Amino acid sequence: MDQITISDKKILKTVEIPLSVNEAWRKWTTHEGLLTFFGEDNKIELFPGGAFEIYFLMDQPYGLRGSEGCKILSFLPEKMLSFTWNAPPSIPQIRKSEYKTWVIVEFNSINESNTEIILTHYGWPEDISWDSTYRYFDKAWESVLLWLQKSINNL
């Protein structure tokens, strides 16, 4: 892999949800929780180096379904989760890269029944070939947080 220079670019999204921090944490860190708002299926192994794979395209072969190969980097229970993230199959030249960006999801308890979620996506290379992937995720993470809100409203 060629040397990559990382820019200071980031994607930052924030939402307040009507769930306790414990409930919000379970939404992001369990198979069942993620199924309520994020993807068609998933493989989650909550330990450093464990899988954090979200599948969106179940009719596609493994490797083209979603975030295959993404891993948990670290976590602090009910405080922070970080994981690697790959490009979508719709951007094959970047997806084929061995390089992955990373996402940090922070959980801030506002009170017993409300939590602020701060999602920050880092690790963007200083390479114009990554610009379309950056734009894609700038919109996609907004959608994910909207799906999270809708999943709670449907309870």
Protein backbone atom coordinates (compact mmCIF):
# COMPACT_ATOMS: atom_id res chain seq x y z
CA MET A 1 0.00 0.00 0.00
CA ASP A 2 1.27 3.48 -0.89
CA GLN A 3 2.00 6.01 1.85
CA ILE A 4 -1.20 7.89 2.75
CA THR A 5 -1.27 11.41 4.13
CA ILE A 6 -4.26 11.94 6.40
CA SER A 7 -6.08 15.27 6.20
CA ASP A 8 -7.68 17.08 9.11
CA LYS A 9 -11.09 16.69 7.41
CA LYS A 10 -13.83 15.10 9.47
CA ILE A 11 -17.55 14.48 9.30
CA LEU A 12 -19.38 15.50 12.47
CA LYS A 13 -23.04 14.65 13.15
CA THR A 14 -24.96 15.07 16.38
CA VAL A 15 -28.42 14.02 17.48
CA GLU A 16 -30.33 13.94 20.76
CA ILE A 17 -32.48 10.85 21.24
CA PRO A 18 -35.11 10.00 23.86
CA LEU A 19 -33.29 6.94 25.24
CA SER A 20 -31.17 6.40 28.31
CA VAL A 21 -27.45 6.14 27.63
CA ASN A 22 -27.67 2.40 28.39
CA GLU A 23 -30.41 1.92 25.78
CA ALA A 24 -28.55 4.05 23.23
CA TRP A 25 -25.37 2.05 23.84
CA ARG A 26 -27.24 -1.23 23.22
CA LYS A 27 -28.65 0.15 19.94
CA TRP A 28 -25.09 0.62 18.62
CA THR A 29 -23.27 -2.34 20.17
CA THR A 30 -25.57 -5.36 19.86
CA HIS A 31 -26.76 -7.38 16.89
CA GLU A 32 -30.39 -6.86 17.92
CA GLY A 33 -29.96 -3.14 18.58
CA LEU A 34 -28.35 -2.42 15.22
CA LEU A 35 -31.07 -4.36 13.41
CA THR A 36 -33.60 -1.80 14.64
CA PHE A 37 -32.07 1.02 12.57
CA PHE A 38 -28.84 0.23 10.70
CA GLY A 39 -28.65 -2.30 7.85
CA GLU A 40 -30.36 -5.57 7.02
CA ASP A 41 -28.01 -7.73 9.11
CA ASN A 42 -24.74 -7.39 10.99
CA LYS A 43 -21.89 -9.13 12.76
CA ILE A 44 -20.85 -7.35 15.94
CA GLU A 45 -18.13 -8.60 18.28
CA LEU A 46 -17.73 -6.09 21.09
CA PHE A 47 -14.01 -6.35 21.81
CA PRO A 48 -11.00 -4.56 20.30
CA GLY A 49 -10.33 -6.20 16.94
CA GLY A 50 -13.81 -7.74 16.85
CA ALA A 51 -16.04 -7.43 13.80
CA PHE A 52 -18.16 -4.34 13.22
CA GLU A 53 -19.81 -5.36 9.98
CA ILE A 54 -23.13 -3.87 8.87
CA TYR A 55 -24.76 -5.50 5.82
CA PHE A 56 -27.04 -3.48 3.55
CA LEU A 57 -27.11 -5.55 0.34
CA MET A 58 -27.89 -9.13 1.38
CA ASP A 59 -28.51 -10.16 -2.24
CA GLN A 60 -24.83 -9.46 -3.02
CA PRO A 61 -21.88 -11.80 -2.36
CA TYR A 62 -19.88 -11.36 0.84
CA GLY A 63 -17.47 -8.51 0.27
CA LEU A 64 -20.10 -6.36 -1.48
CA ARG A 65 -22.79 -6.28 1.22
CA GLY A 66 -21.59 -3.43 3.42
CA SER A 67 -18.83 -2.94 5.95
CA GLU A 68 -17.17 -6.34 5.67
CA GLY A 69 -13.73 -6.36 7.24
CA CYS A 70 -14.42 -3.41 9.55
CA LYS A 71 -13.30 -3.83 13.16
CA ILE A 72 -13.90 -2.42 16.60
CA LEU A 73 -10.93 -0.21 17.47
CA SER A 74 -11.87 0.60 21.07
CA PHE A 75 -14.75 1.35 23.40
CA LEU A 76 -15.64 2.69 26.81
CA PRO A 77 -18.96 1.13 27.87
CA GLU A 78 -21.83 3.60 27.56
CA LYS A 79 -19.37 6.40 26.65
CA MET A 80 -17.60 5.75 23.32
CA LEU A 81 -17.33 3.25 20.47
CA SER A 82 -14.77 3.47 17.66
CA PHE A 83 -14.52 1.29 14.57
CA THR A 84 -12.94 1.19 11.13
CA TRP A 85 -15.08 1.94 8.10
CA ASN A 86 -14.75 1.17 4.41
CA ALA A 87 -16.13 2.75 1.25
CA PRO A 88 -19.44 1.52 -0.17
CA PRO A 89 -19.47 -0.98 -3.06
CA SER A 90 -20.74 1.86 -5.28
CA ILE A 91 -17.24 3.43 -5.08
CA PRO A 92 -15.15 0.37 -6.04
CA GLN A 93 -11.81 2.11 -6.63
CA ILE A 94 -11.76 3.30 -3.00
CA ARG A 95 -13.40 0.18 -1.55
CA LYS A 96 -10.60 -1.96 -3.03
CA SER A 97 -8.05 0.08 -1.07
CA GLU A 98 -6.70 -1.65 2.01
CA TYR A 99 -7.03 1.65 3.85
CA LYS A 100 -10.03 2.24 6.12
CA THR A 101 -11.21 5.43 7.77
CA TRP A 102 -12.51 5.35 11.35
CA VAL A 103 -15.65 6.42 13.16
CA ILE A 104 -16.09 7.46 16.78
CA VAL A 105 -19.56 7.40 18.32
CA GLU A 106 -19.85 9.20 21.66
CA PHE A 107 -22.74 8.73 24.10
CA ASN A 108 -23.45 11.67 26.40
CA SER A 109 -26.17 11.27 28.99
CA ILE A 110 -28.31 14.40 29.09
CA ASN A 111 -30.60 12.96 31.78
CA GLU A 112 -32.11 9.57 32.68
CA SER A 113 -34.11 9.36 29.47
CA ASN A 114 -32.18 11.39 26.88
CA THR A 115 -28.80 10.87 25.23
CA GLU A 116 -26.74 12.96 22.86
CA ILE A 117 -25.00 10.94 20.14
CA ILE A 118 -21.93 12.53 18.56
CA LEU A 119 -20.65 10.71 15.48
CA THR A 120 -17.30 11.79 14.04
CA HIS A 121 -15.78 10.17 10.96
CA TYR A 122 -12.00 10.67 10.70
CA GLY A 123 -9.03 9.47 8.70
CA TRP A 124 -9.72 11.04 5.33
CA PRO A 125 -6.71 10.85 2.98
CA GLU A 126 -5.42 14.00 1.30
CA ASP A 127 -6.25 12.58 -2.10
CA ILE A 128 -8.98 13.91 -4.39
CA SER A 129 -9.97 10.35 -5.30
CA TRP A 130 -11.49 10.13 -1.78
CA ASP A 131 -13.67 13.25 -2.19
CA SER A 132 -16.71 11.35 -3.50
CA THR A 133 -16.47 8.92 -0.57
CA TYR A 134 -16.34 11.84 1.86
CA ARG A 135 -19.42 13.42 0.25
CA TYR A 136 -21.22 10.06 0.29
CA PHE A 137 -20.69 9.61 4.04
CA ASP A 138 -21.45 13.23 4.86
CA LYS A 139 -25.00 12.45 3.67
CA ALA A 140 -25.10 8.79 4.75
CA TRP A 141 -24.35 9.47 8.44
CA GLU A 142 -27.22 12.00 8.51
CA SER A 143 -29.46 9.20 7.22
CA VAL A 144 -28.19 6.75 9.84
CA LEU A 145 -28.97 9.15 12.67
CA LEU A 146 -32.41 9.81 11.16
CA TRP A 147 -33.04 6.05 11.03
CA LEU A 148 -31.98 5.86 14.68
CA GLN A 149 -34.51 8.57 15.59
CA LYS A 150 -37.27 6.88 13.55
CA SER A 151 -36.57 3.51 15.23
CA ILE A 152 -37.19 5.12 18.60
CA ASN A 153 -40.34 6.92 17.46
CA ASN A 154 -41.73 3.56 16.28
CA LEU A 155 -41.45 2.01 19.76
